[in-house]
Amino acid sequence: MESFDESIGFATAQTHRMMFRAFTSYLRSFAITPEQWTVIKRLYTYGDLTQKQLVIAAEKDKATLTRIIDLLQQKTLIKKRLNDEDKRSHYICLTEHGSQLYKAVQPGTEQFYKDLVKDISTTDLANYMDTLQKLQEACRYHID
């Protein structure tokens, strides 16, 4: 076996990149990116969120999320609504167009991932998810 940094890290990163490129290709026909899809999905799932809440829900940094919000606003998929409780913040809300897009994209995303794993046994997938969880836990230990 090669060194761990060349086997585990590289294989994980390579798989992530390949899955990301494949998912990007799927979403291209809807004129959105995976990052934009993440925001749309979180808003559909959780409802209106402040930008601070959305940073946490979408696991994006503030600058990245600001760019995504601007792009989604230009596409009329989301809008901002003043937060009546805190005039310094806004709620980010899906528009009707954004909700319709979610409903159009979501079934295909589920099928996309089912297709990716169709030749992998349920046991192997469960073991993979368990292994990923253990690696994530180990990584948290090393993050400042």
Protein backbone atom coordinates (compact mmCIF):
# COMPACT_ATOMS: atom_id res chain seq x y z
CA MET A 1 0.00 0.00 0.00
CA GLU A 2 1.16 3.52 -0.75
CA SER A 3 1.52 6.04 2.04
CA PHE A 4 -1.75 6.98 3.70
CA ASP A 5 -1.62 10.57 2.48
CA GLU A 6 -1.41 9.31 -1.11
CA SER A 7 -4.04 6.60 -0.76
CA ILE A 8 -6.81 7.71 1.60
CA GLY A 9 -6.54 11.46 1.09
CA PHE A 10 -5.96 11.32 -2.64
CA ALA A 11 -8.67 8.73 -3.31
CA THR A 12 -11.19 10.66 -1.22
CA ALA A 13 -10.36 13.96 -2.93
CA GLN A 14 -10.40 12.38 -6.38
CA THR A 15 -13.78 10.74 -5.73
CA HIS A 16 -15.18 14.02 -4.43
CA ARG A 17 -13.97 15.90 -7.52
CA MET A 18 -15.44 13.30 -9.86
CA MET A 19 -18.79 13.28 -8.06
CA PHE A 20 -18.81 17.09 -8.02
CA ARG A 21 -18.11 17.27 -11.78
CA ALA A 22 -20.83 14.71 -12.51
CA PHE A 23 -23.35 16.56 -10.30
CA THR A 24 -22.35 19.87 -11.91
CA SER A 25 -23.10 18.32 -15.31
CA TYR A 26 -26.52 17.19 -14.10
CA LEU A 27 -27.39 20.65 -12.72
CA ARG A 28 -26.15 22.47 -15.83
CA SER A 29 -29.47 21.88 -17.60
CA PHE A 30 -31.17 23.80 -14.77
CA ALA A 31 -28.64 26.66 -15.02
CA ILE A 32 -27.49 26.31 -11.41
CA THR A 33 -24.33 25.10 -9.70
CA PRO A 34 -24.01 22.59 -6.84
CA GLU A 35 -23.29 25.50 -4.47
CA GLN A 36 -26.46 27.29 -5.58
CA TRP A 37 -28.40 24.03 -5.27
CA THR A 38 -27.22 23.66 -1.67
CA VAL A 39 -28.64 27.08 -0.78
CA ILE A 40 -31.93 26.44 -2.60
CA LYS A 41 -32.30 23.06 -0.90
CA ARG A 42 -31.60 24.47 2.57
CA LEU A 43 -34.13 27.28 2.08
CA TYR A 44 -36.74 24.84 0.81
CA THR A 45 -36.09 22.50 3.74
CA TYR A 46 -35.80 25.04 6.57
CA GLY A 47 -37.82 27.98 5.23
CA ASP A 48 -36.69 31.58 5.40
CA LEU A 49 -33.31 32.01 7.10
CA THR A 50 -31.14 34.95 7.99
CA GLN A 51 -27.82 35.06 6.19
CA LYS A 52 -26.09 34.07 9.42
CA GLN A 53 -28.37 31.04 9.80
CA LEU A 54 -27.86 30.14 6.14
CA VAL A 55 -24.06 30.24 6.53
CA ILE A 56 -24.42 27.47 9.10
CA ALA A 57 -27.13 25.48 7.30
CA ALA A 58 -25.34 25.55 3.93
CA GLU A 59 -21.86 25.16 5.46
CA LYS A 60 -20.50 28.06 3.40
CA ASP A 61 -18.35 30.95 4.50
CA LYS A 62 -19.96 34.39 4.54
CA ALA A 63 -18.19 35.71 1.42
CA THR A 64 -19.05 32.64 -0.66
CA LEU A 65 -22.65 32.72 0.52
CA THR A 66 -22.94 36.41 -0.34
CA ARG A 67 -21.87 35.67 -3.93
CA ILE A 68 -24.32 32.77 -4.17
CA ILE A 69 -27.15 34.91 -2.81
CA ASP A 70 -26.40 37.67 -5.32
CA LEU A 71 -26.46 35.19 -8.21
CA LEU A 72 -29.67 33.54 -7.02
CA GLN A 73 -31.31 36.95 -6.65
CA GLN A 74 -30.32 37.83 -10.22
CA LYS A 75 -31.97 34.60 -11.34
CA THR A 76 -35.10 35.54 -9.28
CA LEU A 77 -34.84 32.29 -7.33
CA ILE A 78 -34.54 34.00 -3.95
CA LYS A 79 -35.33 37.38 -2.42
CA LYS A 80 -34.39 39.22 0.73
CA ARG A 81 -36.97 40.27 3.30
CA LEU A 82 -36.21 42.69 6.13
CA ASN A 83 -35.96 41.06 9.55
CA ASP A 84 -38.55 42.92 11.64
CA GLU A 85 -36.80 41.86 14.86
CA ASP A 86 -33.36 43.06 13.77
CA LYS A 87 -33.36 45.81 11.15
CA ARG A 88 -29.68 45.13 10.41
CA SER A 89 -30.42 41.72 8.93
CA HIS A 90 -32.59 40.19 6.24
CA TYR A 91 -34.26 36.87 5.75
CA ILE A 92 -33.31 35.00 2.61
CA CYS A 93 -36.45 33.51 1.06
CA LEU A 94 -37.16 31.29 -1.91
CA THR A 95 -39.38 32.89 -4.52
CA GLU A 96 -42.15 30.93 -6.21
CA HIS A 97 -39.74 30.45 -9.11
CA GLY A 98 -37.13 29.08 -6.66
CA SER A 99 -39.64 26.65 -5.13
CA GLN A 100 -40.66 25.44 -8.59
CA LEU A 101 -37.02 24.92 -9.50
CA TYR A 102 -36.46 22.91 -6.32
CA LYS A 103 -39.43 20.67 -7.16
CA ALA A 104 -38.11 20.16 -10.69
CA VAL A 105 -34.51 19.40 -9.64
CA GLN A 106 -34.98 17.33 -6.47
CA PRO A 107 -36.32 14.09 -7.97
CA GLY A 108 -33.44 13.99 -10.42
CA THR A 109 -30.86 14.55 -7.69
CA GLU A 110 -32.22 11.58 -5.78
CA GLN A 111 -32.04 9.47 -8.94
CA PHE A 112 -28.57 10.79 -9.72
CA TYR A 113 -27.19 9.50 -6.41
CA LYS A 114 -29.14 6.22 -6.63
CA ASP A 115 -27.54 5.67 -10.03
CA LEU A 116 -24.07 6.31 -8.60
CA VAL A 117 -24.46 3.63 -5.95
CA LYS A 118 -26.64 1.12 -7.80
CA ASP A 119 -23.82 -1.43 -8.07
CA ILE A 120 -22.70 -1.06 -4.44
CA SER A 121 -24.28 -3.30 -1.81
CA THR A 122 -26.23 -1.82 1.08
CA THR A 123 -23.65 -3.30 3.46
CA ASP A 124 -20.74 -1.74 1.57
CA LEU A 125 -22.49 1.64 1.53
CA ALA A 126 -23.19 1.42 5.26
CA ASN A 127 -19.54 0.53 5.91
CA TYR A 128 -18.40 3.40 3.67
CA MET A 129 -20.61 5.90 5.49
CA ASP A 130 -19.38 4.59 8.84
CA THR A 131 -15.77 4.93 7.69
CA LEU A 132 -16.36 8.47 6.44
CA GLN A 133 -17.91 9.37 9.79
CA LYS A 134 -14.87 8.01 11.63
CA LEU A 135 -12.50 9.96 9.35
CA GLN A 136 -14.51 13.14 9.94
CA GLU A 137 -14.32 12.61 13.69
CA ALA A 138 -10.56 12.08 13.46
CA CYS A 139 -10.20 15.25 11.38
CA ARG A 140 -12.14 17.31 13.94
CA TYR A 141 -9.54 16.35 16.50
CA HIS A 142 -6.84 17.95 14.35
CA ILE A 143 -8.69 21.15 13.46
CA ASP A 144 -7.89 24.21 15.54
